[in-house]
Amino acid sequence: MWMHYTMAAGVLLLLVANQPLAFALGGGHDDPWNSERIDRLPPEVRSAITRMCGNATAAHYFATFLDNSRLIKLHFEHLHCDEQARFCRGASCLRQEYLSTGGHYRLKRSYYGGED
C-alpha cells in the first residue's frame, strides 16, 4: 500500500512541475502600459525620460535594444506621460538613440520618424 502512495505522489509532483511558469505564477497578466519598462532602463536614459515626461508608462516596444544592448532606440509613440507632453507631429513621432560608451549611455541622435 505504501508503494502506491509513493508512486501517486511522484506522478503528482511530475505533473505539477511540468506546468508552464505563467500557470505557476497565477496567470502572469502583463499590463500593456507599464512604468516598470522605464524603471529597467539605464539611469542616464531613465533620467532623460523623467525630465521630458515626468511620471511615465511605456508599451512593449518603447525601448528596443540592439548590438548586445550597446544601442537603445526609444519610440515615443509608445510612451504615455502624466504631463501634457506631445512627442508626435501627425504621423511622425520622436525617436532617440542612446549609445553606451565607457559604461554610460549618451544621446547619440534625436529625430522624428514615421511608425515602423
N, C-alpha and C. Protein backbone atom coordinates (compact mmCIF):
# COMPACT_ATOMS: atom_id res chain seq x y z
N MET A 1 0.82 -1.19 0.00
CA MET A 1 0.00 0.00 0.00
C MET A 1 0.86 1.25 0.00
N TRP A 2 1.94 1.26 0.80
CA TRP A 2 2.84 2.40 0.89
C TRP A 2 3.43 2.73 -0.48
N MET A 3 3.73 1.72 -1.29
CA MET A 3 4.31 1.90 -2.62
C MET A 3 3.34 2.66 -3.53
N HIS A 4 2.04 2.39 -3.42
CA HIS A 4 1.05 3.08 -4.25
C HIS A 4 1.00 4.57 -3.92
N TYR A 5 1.06 4.91 -2.63
CA TYR A 5 1.07 6.32 -2.23
C TYR A 5 2.32 7.03 -2.74
N THR A 6 3.46 6.37 -2.67
CA THR A 6 4.71 6.95 -3.13
C THR A 6 4.67 7.20 -4.64
N MET A 7 4.15 6.22 -5.38
CA MET A 7 4.05 6.38 -6.84
C MET A 7 3.06 7.49 -7.19
N ALA A 8 1.94 7.56 -6.51
CA ALA A 8 0.94 8.60 -6.77
C ALA A 8 1.52 9.98 -6.47
N ALA A 9 2.27 10.10 -5.38
CA ALA A 9 2.89 11.38 -5.03
C ALA A 9 3.92 11.76 -6.09
N GLY A 10 4.68 10.79 -6.59
CA GLY A 10 5.67 11.05 -7.63
C GLY A 10 5.04 11.53 -8.92
N VAL A 11 3.95 10.89 -9.33
CA VAL A 11 3.23 11.29 -10.54
C VAL A 11 2.66 12.70 -10.37
N LEU A 12 2.07 12.97 -9.22
CA LEU A 12 1.51 14.29 -8.95
C LEU A 12 2.61 15.36 -9.00
N LEU A 13 3.76 15.08 -8.42
CA LEU A 13 4.88 16.02 -8.44
C LEU A 13 5.34 16.29 -9.87
N LEU A 14 5.43 15.26 -10.69
CA LEU A 14 5.83 15.44 -12.09
C LEU A 14 4.82 16.29 -12.86
N LEU A 15 3.53 16.06 -12.62
CA LEU A 15 2.51 16.85 -13.29
C LEU A 15 2.57 18.33 -12.90
N VAL A 16 2.74 18.61 -11.63
CA VAL A 16 2.81 19.99 -11.15
C VAL A 16 4.09 20.66 -11.65
N ALA A 17 5.22 19.96 -11.61
CA ALA A 17 6.49 20.53 -12.03
C ALA A 17 6.53 20.80 -13.53
N ASN A 18 5.69 20.14 -14.31
CA ASN A 18 5.70 20.28 -15.75
C ASN A 18 4.79 21.41 -16.24
N GLN A 19 4.14 22.15 -15.36
CA GLN A 19 3.25 23.23 -15.76
C GLN A 19 4.05 24.45 -16.19
N PRO A 20 3.53 25.25 -17.14
CA PRO A 20 4.23 26.47 -17.55
C PRO A 20 4.38 27.44 -16.39
N LEU A 21 5.39 28.30 -16.49
CA LEU A 21 5.68 29.27 -15.44
C LEU A 21 4.50 30.21 -15.21
N ALA A 22 3.82 30.64 -16.27
CA ALA A 22 2.69 31.56 -16.10
C ALA A 22 1.61 30.93 -15.25
N PHE A 23 1.37 29.64 -15.43
CA PHE A 23 0.38 28.96 -14.61
C PHE A 23 0.82 28.95 -13.15
N ALA A 24 2.08 28.68 -12.94
CA ALA A 24 2.60 28.63 -11.58
C ALA A 24 2.53 29.98 -10.89
N LEU A 25 2.61 31.06 -11.65
CA LEU A 25 2.56 32.40 -11.07
C LEU A 25 1.15 32.97 -11.04
N GLY A 26 0.17 32.19 -11.40
CA GLY A 26 -1.21 32.66 -11.31
C GLY A 26 -1.67 33.40 -12.55
N GLY A 27 -1.12 33.13 -13.71
CA GLY A 27 -1.63 33.72 -14.93
C GLY A 27 -0.70 34.75 -15.53
N GLY A 28 0.05 35.49 -14.76
CA GLY A 28 1.05 36.42 -15.27
C GLY A 28 0.53 37.50 -16.19
N HIS A 29 -0.47 38.26 -15.79
CA HIS A 29 -1.02 39.35 -16.60
C HIS A 29 0.05 40.43 -16.81
N ASP A 30 0.25 40.82 -18.05
CA ASP A 30 1.23 41.85 -18.40
C ASP A 30 0.48 43.08 -18.91
N ASP A 31 0.48 44.14 -18.11
CA ASP A 31 -0.20 45.38 -18.46
C ASP A 31 0.45 45.99 -19.70
N PRO A 32 -0.33 46.37 -20.73
CA PRO A 32 0.28 46.94 -21.93
C PRO A 32 0.99 48.27 -21.68
N TRP A 33 0.56 49.05 -20.70
CA TRP A 33 1.23 50.30 -20.34
C TRP A 33 1.78 50.13 -18.93
N ASN A 34 3.10 50.17 -18.80
CA ASN A 34 3.75 49.77 -17.57
C ASN A 34 4.94 50.68 -17.26
N SER A 35 5.03 51.17 -16.03
CA SER A 35 6.16 52.02 -15.64
C SER A 35 7.43 51.21 -15.41
N GLU A 36 7.30 49.91 -15.19
CA GLU A 36 8.48 49.07 -14.97
C GLU A 36 9.38 49.02 -16.19
N ARG A 37 8.83 49.19 -17.38
CA ARG A 37 9.65 49.20 -18.59
C ARG A 37 10.61 50.39 -18.58
N ILE A 38 10.22 51.47 -17.96
CA ILE A 38 11.11 52.63 -17.84
C ILE A 38 12.08 52.42 -16.68
N ASP A 39 11.59 51.86 -15.59
CA ASP A 39 12.45 51.61 -14.43
C ASP A 39 13.63 50.70 -14.77
N ARG A 40 13.48 49.83 -15.76
CA ARG A 40 14.54 48.88 -16.13
C ARG A 40 15.61 49.49 -17.04
N LEU A 41 15.37 50.70 -17.52
CA LEU A 41 16.34 51.34 -18.42
C LEU A 41 17.56 51.82 -17.63
N PRO A 42 18.70 52.00 -18.30
CA PRO A 42 19.88 52.53 -17.61
C PRO A 42 19.58 53.91 -17.01
N PRO A 43 20.27 54.29 -15.92
CA PRO A 43 19.97 55.54 -15.20
C PRO A 43 20.00 56.78 -16.08
N GLU A 44 20.93 56.88 -17.00
CA GLU A 44 21.02 58.08 -17.85
C GLU A 44 19.80 58.22 -18.74
N VAL A 45 19.33 57.12 -19.28
CA VAL A 45 18.17 57.13 -20.17
C VAL A 45 16.91 57.39 -19.36
N ARG A 46 16.79 56.72 -18.24
CA ARG A 46 15.62 56.90 -17.35
C ARG A 46 15.51 58.35 -16.89
N SER A 47 16.62 58.96 -16.53
CA SER A 47 16.64 60.34 -16.08
C SER A 47 16.18 61.29 -17.19
N ALA A 48 16.63 61.05 -18.40
CA ALA A 48 16.22 61.91 -19.53
C ALA A 48 14.72 61.81 -19.77
N ILE A 49 14.18 60.62 -19.69
CA ILE A 49 12.74 60.43 -19.89
C ILE A 49 11.95 61.14 -18.79
N THR A 50 12.42 61.03 -17.55
CA THR A 50 11.75 61.70 -16.43
C THR A 50 11.75 63.21 -16.61
N ARG A 51 12.86 63.77 -17.08
CA ARG A 51 12.92 65.22 -17.32
C ARG A 51 11.94 65.65 -18.40
N MET A 52 11.78 64.84 -19.43
CA MET A 52 10.91 65.18 -20.55
C MET A 52 9.44 64.94 -20.25
N CYS A 53 9.16 63.98 -19.37
CA CYS A 53 7.82 63.44 -19.30
C CYS A 53 7.22 63.40 -17.90
N GLY A 54 8.03 63.51 -16.87
CA GLY A 54 7.51 63.29 -15.52
C GLY A 54 7.30 61.81 -15.30
N ASN A 55 6.25 61.44 -14.60
CA ASN A 55 5.93 60.01 -14.43
C ASN A 55 5.40 59.49 -15.76
N ALA A 56 5.90 58.33 -16.16
CA ALA A 56 5.54 57.81 -17.47
C ALA A 56 5.26 56.32 -17.40
N THR A 57 4.50 55.86 -18.39
CA THR A 57 4.32 54.43 -18.62
C THR A 57 4.69 54.16 -20.07
N ALA A 58 5.14 52.95 -20.33
CA ALA A 58 5.59 52.62 -21.68
C ALA A 58 4.97 51.31 -22.14
N ALA A 59 4.77 51.22 -23.46
CA ALA A 59 4.30 49.99 -24.08
C ALA A 59 5.50 49.10 -24.38
N HIS A 60 5.21 47.91 -24.86
CA HIS A 60 6.26 46.91 -25.07
C HIS A 60 7.43 47.39 -25.92
N TYR A 61 7.18 48.11 -26.99
CA TYR A 61 8.25 48.44 -27.93
C TYR A 61 8.72 49.88 -27.81
N PHE A 62 8.53 50.49 -26.64
CA PHE A 62 9.07 51.83 -26.43
C PHE A 62 10.59 51.82 -26.57
N ALA A 63 11.24 50.87 -25.93
CA ALA A 63 12.70 50.77 -25.99
C ALA A 63 13.07 49.47 -26.67
N THR A 64 13.93 49.57 -27.68
CA THR A 64 14.48 48.38 -28.32
C THR A 64 15.99 48.41 -28.14
N PHE A 65 16.55 47.24 -27.94
CA PHE A 65 17.98 47.11 -27.64
C PHE A 65 18.66 46.41 -28.80
N LEU A 66 19.74 47.00 -29.30
CA LEU A 66 20.49 46.45 -30.42
C LEU A 66 21.96 46.31 -30.06
N ASP A 67 22.66 45.53 -30.84
CA ASP A 67 24.11 45.37 -30.69
C ASP A 67 24.48 45.00 -29.26
N ASN A 68 23.86 43.92 -28.75
CA ASN A 68 24.10 43.46 -27.37
C ASN A 68 23.85 44.55 -26.34
N SER A 69 22.78 45.29 -26.51
CA SER A 69 22.34 46.37 -25.61
C SER A 69 23.29 47.57 -25.61
N ARG A 70 24.16 47.65 -26.58
CA ARG A 70 25.05 48.82 -26.69
C ARG A 70 24.28 50.03 -27.22
N LEU A 71 23.24 49.77 -28.02
CA LEU A 71 22.41 50.83 -28.60
C LEU A 71 20.97 50.64 -28.14
N ILE A 72 20.37 51.70 -27.62
CA ILE A 72 18.97 51.68 -27.21
C ILE A 72 18.23 52.68 -28.08
N LYS A 73 17.15 52.22 -28.73
CA LYS A 73 16.30 53.11 -29.53
C LYS A 73 14.98 53.30 -28.79
N LEU A 74 14.58 54.55 -28.63
CA LEU A 74 13.31 54.87 -27.98
C LEU A 74 12.31 55.33 -29.03
N HIS A 75 11.09 54.84 -28.93
CA HIS A 75 10.00 55.16 -29.85
C HIS A 75 8.90 55.83 -29.03
N PHE A 76 8.82 57.14 -29.10
CA PHE A 76 7.97 57.91 -28.19
C PHE A 76 6.47 57.78 -28.45
N GLU A 77 6.06 57.17 -29.56
CA GLU A 77 4.63 56.91 -29.74
C GLU A 77 4.17 55.81 -28.78
N HIS A 78 5.12 55.12 -28.17
CA HIS A 78 4.82 54.06 -27.21
C HIS A 78 5.05 54.52 -25.77
N LEU A 79 4.94 55.83 -25.53
CA LEU A 79 5.15 56.40 -24.20
C LEU A 79 3.96 57.26 -23.82
N HIS A 80 3.46 57.08 -22.61
CA HIS A 80 2.39 57.93 -22.05
C HIS A 80 2.96 58.70 -20.87
N CYS A 81 2.72 60.02 -20.87
CA CYS A 81 3.23 60.89 -19.81
C CYS A 81 2.10 61.39 -18.93
N ASP A 82 2.44 61.67 -17.65
CA ASP A 82 1.49 62.36 -16.78
C ASP A 82 1.32 63.80 -17.25
N GLU A 83 2.41 64.37 -17.72
CA GLU A 83 2.40 65.74 -18.24
C GLU A 83 1.66 65.73 -19.58
N GLN A 84 1.44 66.90 -20.14
CA GLN A 84 0.80 67.00 -21.44
C GLN A 84 1.83 67.02 -22.58
N ALA A 85 2.94 66.37 -22.37
CA ALA A 85 4.00 66.33 -23.38
C ALA A 85 3.48 65.66 -24.65
N ARG A 86 3.85 66.23 -25.77
CA ARG A 86 3.48 65.68 -27.08
C ARG A 86 4.77 65.34 -27.82
N PHE A 87 4.85 64.11 -28.26
CA PHE A 87 6.05 63.66 -28.95
C PHE A 87 5.80 63.29 -30.40
N CYS A 88 4.57 63.50 -30.87
CA CYS A 88 4.24 63.18 -32.26
C CYS A 88 3.71 64.42 -32.96
N ARG A 89 4.04 64.51 -34.23
CA ARG A 89 3.53 65.56 -35.12
C ARG A 89 2.91 64.86 -36.31
N GLY A 90 1.61 64.71 -36.29
CA GLY A 90 0.94 63.95 -37.34
C GLY A 90 1.37 62.50 -37.26
N ALA A 91 1.91 61.98 -38.36
CA ALA A 91 2.35 60.58 -38.41
C ALA A 91 3.81 60.42 -38.01
N SER A 92 4.46 61.51 -37.65
CA SER A 92 5.88 61.49 -37.28
C SER A 92 6.03 61.61 -35.77
N CYS A 93 6.80 60.72 -35.16
CA CYS A 93 7.00 60.74 -33.71
C CYS A 93 8.48 60.79 -33.37
N LEU A 94 8.76 61.33 -32.19
CA LEU A 94 10.13 61.46 -31.73
C LEU A 94 10.78 60.09 -31.58
N ARG A 95 12.03 60.01 -32.02
CA ARG A 95 12.88 58.85 -31.83
C ARG A 95 14.18 59.34 -31.19
N GLN A 96 14.71 58.55 -30.32
CA GLN A 96 16.02 58.85 -29.74
C GLN A 96 16.85 57.59 -29.72
N GLU A 97 18.15 57.77 -29.92
CA GLU A 97 19.08 56.65 -29.86
C GLU A 97 20.15 56.97 -28.83
N TYR A 98 20.36 56.05 -27.91
CA TYR A 98 21.38 56.18 -26.87
C TYR A 98 22.45 55.12 -27.11
N LEU A 99 23.70 55.54 -27.02
CA LEU A 99 24.83 54.65 -27.25
C LEU A 99 25.64 54.52 -25.97
N SER A 100 26.02 53.29 -25.66
CA SER A 100 26.84 53.04 -24.47
C SER A 100 28.31 53.19 -24.83
N THR A 101 28.96 54.11 -24.15
CA THR A 101 30.41 54.29 -24.30
C THR A 101 30.99 54.46 -22.91
N GLY A 102 32.02 53.69 -22.61
CA GLY A 102 32.65 53.79 -21.31
C GLY A 102 31.72 53.43 -20.16
N GLY A 103 30.74 52.56 -20.41
CA GLY A 103 29.84 52.12 -19.34
C GLY A 103 28.69 53.07 -19.07
N HIS A 104 28.56 54.16 -19.83
CA HIS A 104 27.46 55.11 -19.67
C HIS A 104 26.78 55.34 -21.01
N TYR A 105 25.48 55.58 -20.94
CA TYR A 105 24.72 55.86 -22.16
C TYR A 105 24.64 57.36 -22.38
N ARG A 106 24.81 57.75 -23.65
CA ARG A 106 24.66 59.16 -24.00
C ARG A 106 23.77 59.24 -25.24
N LEU A 107 23.07 60.37 -25.36
CA LEU A 107 22.19 60.58 -26.50
C LEU A 107 23.04 60.71 -27.76
N LYS A 108 22.82 59.84 -28.70
CA LYS A 108 23.56 59.85 -29.96
C LYS A 108 22.80 60.64 -31.02
N ARG A 109 21.46 60.44 -31.05
CA ARG A 109 20.69 61.04 -32.13
C ARG A 109 19.25 61.19 -31.68
N SER A 110 18.63 62.30 -32.07
CA SER A 110 17.22 62.56 -31.80
C SER A 110 16.60 63.04 -33.10
N TYR A 111 15.48 62.44 -33.51
CA TYR A 111 14.86 62.77 -34.81
C TYR A 111 13.40 62.37 -34.78
N TYR A 112 12.66 62.80 -35.80
CA TYR A 112 11.26 62.42 -35.95
C TYR A 112 11.15 61.42 -37.10
N GLY A 113 10.42 60.34 -36.85
CA GLY A 113 10.24 59.31 -37.87
C GLY A 113 8.83 58.78 -37.84
N GLY A 114 8.45 58.11 -38.94
CA GLY A 114 7.13 57.51 -39.04
C GLY A 114 7.06 56.21 -38.27
N GLU A 115 5.84 55.73 -38.09
CA GLU A 115 5.66 54.46 -37.39
C GLU A 115 6.29 53.34 -38.20
N ASP A 116 7.00 52.45 -37.48
CA ASP A 116 7.62 51.29 -38.14
C ASP A 116 7.52 50.08 -37.27
